[in-house]
Amino acid sequence: SVLIARNNLAAHFDCAPSQINYVLT
C-alpha cells in the first residue's frame, strides 16, 4: 500500500483534487 496526500498530488499535477478522485474511482 501507499499513502498519498491528495492536495499535494493535485498541486503536483496542477489539477483539481476532484481529478485525483476521478482517477482513483
PDB file of all heavy atoms in Angstrom:
ATOM      1  N   SER A   1       0.837  -1.198   0.000  1.00  0.00           N
ATOM      2  CA  SER A   1       0.000   0.000   0.000  1.00  0.00           C
ATOM      3  C   SER A   1       0.871   1.246   0.000  1.00  0.00           C
ATOM      4  O   SER A   1       2.070   1.188   0.273  1.00  0.00           O
ATOM      5  CB  SER A   1      -0.935   0.009   1.218  1.00  0.00           C
ATOM      6  OG  SER A   1      -0.196   0.136   2.405  1.00  0.00           O
ATOM      7  N   VAL A   2       0.225   2.360  -0.322  1.00  0.00           N
ATOM      8  CA  VAL A   2       0.912   3.651  -0.322  1.00  0.00           C
ATOM      9  C   VAL A   2      -0.080   4.700   0.176  1.00  0.00           C
ATOM     10  O   VAL A   2      -1.282   4.607  -0.066  1.00  0.00           O
ATOM     11  CB  VAL A   2       1.452   4.001  -1.731  1.00  0.00           C
ATOM     12  CG1 VAL A   2       0.335   4.202  -2.730  1.00  0.00           C
ATOM     13  CG2 VAL A   2       2.354   5.214  -1.692  1.00  0.00           C
ATOM     14  N   LEU A   3       0.451   5.693   0.905  1.00  0.00           N
ATOM     15  CA  LEU A   3      -0.359   6.786   1.441  1.00  0.00           C
ATOM     16  C   LEU A   3       0.075   8.070   0.732  1.00  0.00           C
ATOM     17  O   LEU A   3       1.262   8.412   0.744  1.00  0.00           O
ATOM     18  CB  LEU A   3      -0.144   6.895   2.954  1.00  0.00           C
ATOM     19  CG  LEU A   3      -1.089   7.781   3.730  1.00  0.00           C
ATOM     20  CD1 LEU A   3      -2.520   7.262   3.652  1.00  0.00           C
ATOM     21  CD2 LEU A   3      -0.655   7.831   5.194  1.00  0.00           C
ATOM     22  N   ILE A   4      -0.886   8.755   0.128  1.00  0.00           N
ATOM     23  CA  ILE A   4      -0.591   9.948  -0.657  1.00  0.00           C
ATOM     24  C   ILE A   4      -1.474  11.096  -0.172  1.00  0.00           C
ATOM     25  O   ILE A   4      -2.662  10.902   0.070  1.00  0.00           O
ATOM     26  CB  ILE A   4      -0.913   9.706  -2.156  1.00  0.00           C
ATOM     27  CG1 ILE A   4      -0.165   8.497  -2.710  1.00  0.00           C
ATOM     28  CG2 ILE A   4      -0.690  10.938  -3.000  1.00  0.00           C
ATOM     29  CD1 ILE A   4       1.212   8.775  -3.225  1.00  0.00           C
ATOM     30  N   ALA A   5      -0.900  12.300  -0.078  1.00  0.00           N
ATOM     31  CA  ALA A   5      -1.679  13.499   0.263  1.00  0.00           C
ATOM     32  C   ALA A   5      -2.374  13.993  -1.005  1.00  0.00           C
ATOM     33  O   ALA A   5      -1.720  14.365  -1.973  1.00  0.00           O
ATOM     34  CB  ALA A   5      -0.781  14.579   0.834  1.00  0.00           C
ATOM     35  N   ARG A   6      -3.699  14.000  -0.993  1.00  0.00           N
ATOM     36  CA  ARG A   6      -4.494  14.355  -2.181  1.00  0.00           C
ATOM     37  C   ARG A   6      -4.153  15.767  -2.671  1.00  0.00           C
ATOM     38  O   ARG A   6      -3.945  15.974  -3.867  1.00  0.00           O
ATOM     39  CB  ARG A   6      -5.977  14.251  -1.861  1.00  0.00           C
ATOM     40  CG  ARG A   6      -6.882  14.560  -3.030  1.00  0.00           C
ATOM     41  CD  ARG A   6      -8.359  14.640  -2.675  1.00  0.00           C
ATOM     42  NE  ARG A   6      -8.708  13.977  -1.455  1.00  0.00           N
ATOM     43  CZ  ARG A   6      -9.323  12.792  -1.371  1.00  0.00           C
ATOM     44  NH1 ARG A   6      -9.658  12.161  -2.457  1.00  0.00           N
ATOM     45  NH2 ARG A   6      -9.610  12.264  -0.205  1.00  0.00           N
ATOM     46  N   ASN A   7      -4.106  16.742  -1.754  1.00  0.00           N
ATOM     47  CA  ASN A   7      -3.827  18.122  -2.174  1.00  0.00           C
ATOM     48  C   ASN A   7      -2.427  18.275  -2.750  1.00  0.00           C
ATOM     49  O   ASN A   7      -2.228  19.019  -3.710  1.00  0.00           O
ATOM     50  CB  ASN A   7      -4.033  19.096  -1.014  1.00  0.00           C
ATOM     51  CG  ASN A   7      -5.504  19.259  -0.675  1.00  0.00           C
ATOM     52  OD1 ASN A   7      -6.381  18.893  -1.448  1.00  0.00           O
ATOM     53  ND2 ASN A   7      -5.775  19.813   0.504  1.00  0.00           N
ATOM     54  N   ASN A   8      -1.452  17.592  -2.181  1.00  0.00           N
ATOM     55  CA  ASN A   8      -0.090  17.646  -2.720  1.00  0.00           C
ATOM     56  C   ASN A   8      -0.043  17.049  -4.124  1.00  0.00           C
ATOM     57  O   ASN A   8       0.642  17.566  -5.004  1.00  0.00           O
ATOM     58  CB  ASN A   8       0.886  16.908  -1.807  1.00  0.00           C
ATOM     59  CG  ASN A   8       1.106  17.616  -0.495  1.00  0.00           C
ATOM     60  OD1 ASN A   8       0.684  18.754  -0.308  1.00  0.00           O
ATOM     61  ND2 ASN A   8       1.750  16.932   0.438  1.00  0.00           N
ATOM     62  N   LEU A   9      -0.768  15.957  -4.305  1.00  0.00           N
ATOM     63  CA  LEU A   9      -0.805  15.306  -5.613  1.00  0.00           C
ATOM     64  C   LEU A   9      -1.485  16.215  -6.638  1.00  0.00           C
ATOM     65  O   LEU A   9      -1.003  16.368  -7.766  1.00  0.00           O
ATOM     66  CB  LEU A   9      -1.535  13.966  -5.508  1.00  0.00           C
ATOM     67  CG  LEU A   9      -1.480  13.044  -6.706  1.00  0.00           C
ATOM     68  CD1 LEU A   9      -0.038  12.695  -7.073  1.00  0.00           C
ATOM     69  CD2 LEU A   9      -2.247  11.759  -6.407  1.00  0.00           C
ATOM     70  N   ALA A  10      -2.578  16.858  -6.239  1.00  0.00           N
ATOM     71  CA  ALA A  10      -3.276  17.788  -7.134  1.00  0.00           C
ATOM     72  C   ALA A  10      -2.371  18.967  -7.493  1.00  0.00           C
ATOM     73  O   ALA A  10      -2.326  19.393  -8.652  1.00  0.00           O
ATOM     74  CB  ALA A  10      -4.563  18.273  -6.477  1.00  0.00           C
ATOM     75  N   ALA A  11      -1.626  19.473  -6.507  1.00  0.00           N
ATOM     76  CA  ALA A  11      -0.698  20.580  -6.765  1.00  0.00           C
ATOM     77  C   ALA A  11       0.415  20.133  -7.713  1.00  0.00           C
ATOM     78  O   ALA A  11       0.807  20.876  -8.625  1.00  0.00           O
ATOM     79  CB  ALA A  11      -0.112  21.094  -5.455  1.00  0.00           C
ATOM     80  N   HIS A  12       0.916  18.924  -7.522  1.00  0.00           N
ATOM     81  CA  HIS A  12       1.979  18.386  -8.375  1.00  0.00           C
ATOM     82  C   HIS A  12       1.535  18.335  -9.840  1.00  0.00           C
ATOM     83  O   HIS A  12       2.315  18.645 -10.740  1.00  0.00           O
ATOM     84  CB  HIS A  12       2.383  16.989  -7.890  1.00  0.00           C
ATOM     85  CG  HIS A  12       3.398  16.311  -8.749  1.00  0.00           C
ATOM     86  ND1 HIS A  12       4.737  16.620  -8.698  1.00  0.00           N
ATOM     87  CD2 HIS A  12       3.262  15.356  -9.696  1.00  0.00           C
ATOM     88  CE1 HIS A  12       5.392  15.880  -9.567  1.00  0.00           C
ATOM     89  NE2 HIS A  12       4.515  15.093 -10.194  1.00  0.00           N
ATOM     90  N   PHE A  13       0.279  17.953 -10.066  1.00  0.00           N
ATOM     91  CA  PHE A  13      -0.239  17.833 -11.432  1.00  0.00           C
ATOM     92  C   PHE A  13      -1.011  19.079 -11.882  1.00  0.00           C
ATOM     93  O   PHE A  13      -1.553  19.101 -12.985  1.00  0.00           O
ATOM     94  CB  PHE A  13      -1.127  16.593 -11.567  1.00  0.00           C
ATOM     95  CG  PHE A  13      -0.335  15.324 -11.605  1.00  0.00           C
ATOM     96  CD1 PHE A  13      -0.204  14.542 -10.471  1.00  0.00           C
ATOM     97  CD2 PHE A  13       0.309  14.928 -12.770  1.00  0.00           C
ATOM     98  CE1 PHE A  13       0.547  13.374 -10.497  1.00  0.00           C
ATOM     99  CE2 PHE A  13       1.063  13.770 -12.812  1.00  0.00           C
ATOM    100  CZ  PHE A  13       1.182  12.990 -11.675  1.00  0.00           C
ATOM    101  N   ASP A  14      -1.039  20.101 -11.006  1.00  0.00           N
ATOM    102  CA  ASP A  14      -1.741  21.350 -11.300  1.00  0.00           C
ATOM    103  C   ASP A  14      -3.168  21.064 -11.776  1.00  0.00           C
ATOM    104  O   ASP A  14      -3.600  21.483 -12.857  1.00  0.00           O
ATOM    105  CB  ASP A  14      -0.974  22.162 -12.351  1.00  0.00           C
ATOM    106  CG  ASP A  14      -1.496  23.593 -12.460  1.00  0.00           C
ATOM    107  OD1 ASP A  14      -2.046  24.094 -11.458  1.00  0.00           O
ATOM    108  OD2 ASP A  14      -1.369  24.186 -13.546  1.00  0.00           O
ATOM    109  N   CYS A  15      -3.888  20.300 -10.939  1.00  0.00           N
ATOM    110  CA  CYS A  15      -5.271  19.954 -11.262  1.00  0.00           C
ATOM    111  C   CYS A  15      -6.116  20.033  -9.990  1.00  0.00           C
ATOM    112  O   CYS A  15      -5.583  20.188  -8.897  1.00  0.00           O
ATOM    113  CB  CYS A  15      -5.356  18.553 -11.862  1.00  0.00           C
ATOM    114  SG  CYS A  15      -4.956  17.212 -10.720  1.00  0.00           S
ATOM    115  N   ALA A  16      -7.406  19.928 -10.161  1.00  0.00           N
ATOM    116  CA  ALA A  16      -8.313  19.951  -9.014  1.00  0.00           C
ATOM    117  C   ALA A  16      -8.263  18.610  -8.287  1.00  0.00           C
ATOM    118  O   ALA A  16      -8.044  17.559  -8.925  1.00  0.00           O
ATOM    119  CB  ALA A  16      -9.735  20.216  -9.484  1.00  0.00           C
ATOM    120  N   PRO A  17      -8.451  18.605  -6.960  1.00  0.00           N
ATOM    121  CA  PRO A  17      -8.489  17.337  -6.228  1.00  0.00           C
ATOM    122  C   PRO A  17      -9.555  16.377  -6.767  1.00  0.00           C
ATOM    123  O   PRO A  17      -9.383  15.162  -6.705  1.00  0.00           O
ATOM    124  CB  PRO A  17      -8.807  17.764  -4.796  1.00  0.00           C
ATOM    125  CG  PRO A  17      -8.256  19.146  -4.694  1.00  0.00           C
ATOM    126  CD  PRO A  17      -8.498  19.752  -6.047  1.00  0.00           C
ATOM    127  N   SER A  18     -10.614  16.921  -7.349  1.00  0.00           N
ATOM    128  CA  SER A  18     -11.648  16.044  -7.918  1.00  0.00           C
ATOM    129  C   SER A  18     -11.096  15.215  -9.079  1.00  0.00           C
ATOM    130  O   SER A  18     -11.569  14.105  -9.337  1.00  0.00           O
ATOM    131  CB  SER A  18     -12.855  16.861  -8.379  1.00  0.00           C
ATOM    132  OG  SER A  18     -12.482  17.773  -9.388  1.00  0.00           O
ATOM    133  N   GLN A  19     -10.088  15.728  -9.770  1.00  0.00           N
ATOM    134  CA  GLN A  19      -9.446  14.960 -10.853  1.00  0.00           C
ATOM    135  C   GLN A  19      -8.718  13.750 -10.273  1.00  0.00           C
ATOM    136  O   GLN A  19      -8.743  12.674 -10.851  1.00  0.00           O
ATOM    137  CB  GLN A  19      -8.467  15.846 -11.624  1.00  0.00           C
ATOM    138  CG  GLN A  19      -7.907  15.182 -12.860  1.00  0.00           C
ATOM    139  CD  GLN A  19      -8.927  15.083 -13.975  1.00  0.00           C
ATOM    140  OE1 GLN A  19      -9.722  15.992 -14.178  1.00  0.00           O
ATOM    141  NE2 GLN A  19      -8.915  13.987 -14.690  1.00  0.00           N
ATOM    142  N   ILE A  20      -8.104  13.919  -9.118  1.00  0.00           N
ATOM    143  CA  ILE A  20      -7.451  12.804  -8.432  1.00  0.00           C
ATOM    144  C   ILE A  20      -8.515  11.772  -8.046  1.00  0.00           C
ATOM    145  O   ILE A  20      -8.332  10.570  -8.251  1.00  0.00           O
ATOM    146  CB  ILE A  20      -6.694  13.299  -7.175  1.00  0.00           C
ATOM    147  CG1 ILE A  20      -5.679  14.399  -7.521  1.00  0.00           C
ATOM    148  CG2 ILE A  20      -6.048  12.127  -6.443  1.00  0.00           C
ATOM    149  CD1 ILE A  20      -4.607  14.029  -8.499  1.00  0.00           C
ATOM    150  N   ASN A  21      -9.630  12.254  -7.495  1.00  0.00           N
ATOM    151  CA  ASN A  21     -10.725  11.343  -7.128  1.00  0.00           C
ATOM    152  C   ASN A  21     -11.218  10.555  -8.331  1.00  0.00           C
ATOM    153  O   ASN A  21     -11.502   9.365  -8.224  1.00  0.00           O
ATOM    154  CB  ASN A  21     -11.887  12.111  -6.506  1.00  0.00           C
ATOM    155  CG  ASN A  21     -11.546  12.634  -5.142  1.00  0.00           C
ATOM    156  OD1 ASN A  21     -10.602  12.190  -4.507  1.00  0.00           O
ATOM    157  ND2 ASN A  21     -12.312  13.606  -4.695  1.00  0.00           N
ATOM    158  N   TYR A  22     -11.328  11.215  -9.471  1.00  0.00           N
ATOM    159  CA  TYR A  22     -11.793  10.548 -10.683  1.00  0.00           C
ATOM    160  C   TYR A  22     -10.858   9.395 -11.063  1.00  0.00           C
ATOM    161  O   TYR A  22     -11.308   8.293 -11.359  1.00  0.00           O
ATOM    162  CB  TYR A  22     -11.901  11.544 -11.845  1.00  0.00           C
ATOM    163  CG  TYR A  22     -12.245  10.879 -13.142  1.00  0.00           C
ATOM    164  CD1 TYR A  22     -13.561  10.496 -13.429  1.00  0.00           C
ATOM    165  CD2 TYR A  22     -11.262  10.593 -14.079  1.00  0.00           C
ATOM    166  CE1 TYR A  22     -13.878   9.854 -14.607  1.00  0.00           C
ATOM    167  CE2 TYR A  22     -11.567   9.950 -15.258  1.00  0.00           C
ATOM    168  CZ  TYR A  22     -12.875   9.580 -15.523  1.00  0.00           C
ATOM    169  OH  TYR A  22     -13.175   8.931 -16.692  1.00  0.00           O
ATOM    170  N   VAL A  23      -9.569   9.650 -11.026  1.00  0.00           N
ATOM    171  CA  VAL A  23      -8.597   8.600 -11.365  1.00  0.00           C
ATOM    172  C   VAL A  23      -8.707   7.439 -10.379  1.00  0.00           C
ATOM    173  O   VAL A  23      -8.706   6.275 -10.769  1.00  0.00           O
ATOM    174  CB  VAL A  23      -7.155   9.160 -11.408  1.00  0.00           C
ATOM    175  CG1 VAL A  23      -6.129   8.048 -11.547  1.00  0.00           C
ATOM    176  CG2 VAL A  23      -7.018  10.165 -12.539  1.00  0.00           C
ATOM    177  N   LEU A  24      -8.849   7.761  -9.106  1.00  0.00           N
ATOM    178  CA  LEU A  24      -8.957   6.714  -8.086  1.00  0.00           C
ATOM    179  C   LEU A  24     -10.207   5.869  -8.289  1.00  0.00           C
ATOM    180  O   LEU A  24     -10.156   4.647  -8.164  1.00  0.00           O
ATOM    181  CB  LEU A  24      -8.968   7.327  -6.691  1.00  0.00           C
ATOM    182  CG  LEU A  24      -7.655   7.957  -6.245  1.00  0.00           C
ATOM    183  CD1 LEU A  24      -7.854   8.726  -4.954  1.00  0.00           C
ATOM    184  CD2 LEU A  24      -6.565   6.916  -6.106  1.00  0.00           C
ATOM    185  N   THR A  25     -11.330   6.488  -8.591  1.00  0.00           N
ATOM    186  CA  THR A  25     -12.587   5.740  -8.692  1.00  0.00           C
ATOM    187  C   THR A  25     -12.721   4.988 -10.011  1.00  0.00           C
ATOM    188  O   THR A  25     -13.496   4.045 -10.094  1.00  0.00           O
ATOM    189  CB  THR A  25     -13.821   6.652  -8.509  1.00  0.00           C
ATOM    190  OG1 THR A  25     -13.787   7.688  -9.487  1.00  0.00           O
ATOM    191  CG2 THR A  25     -13.854   7.236  -7.113  1.00  0.00           C
TER     192      THR A  25
END
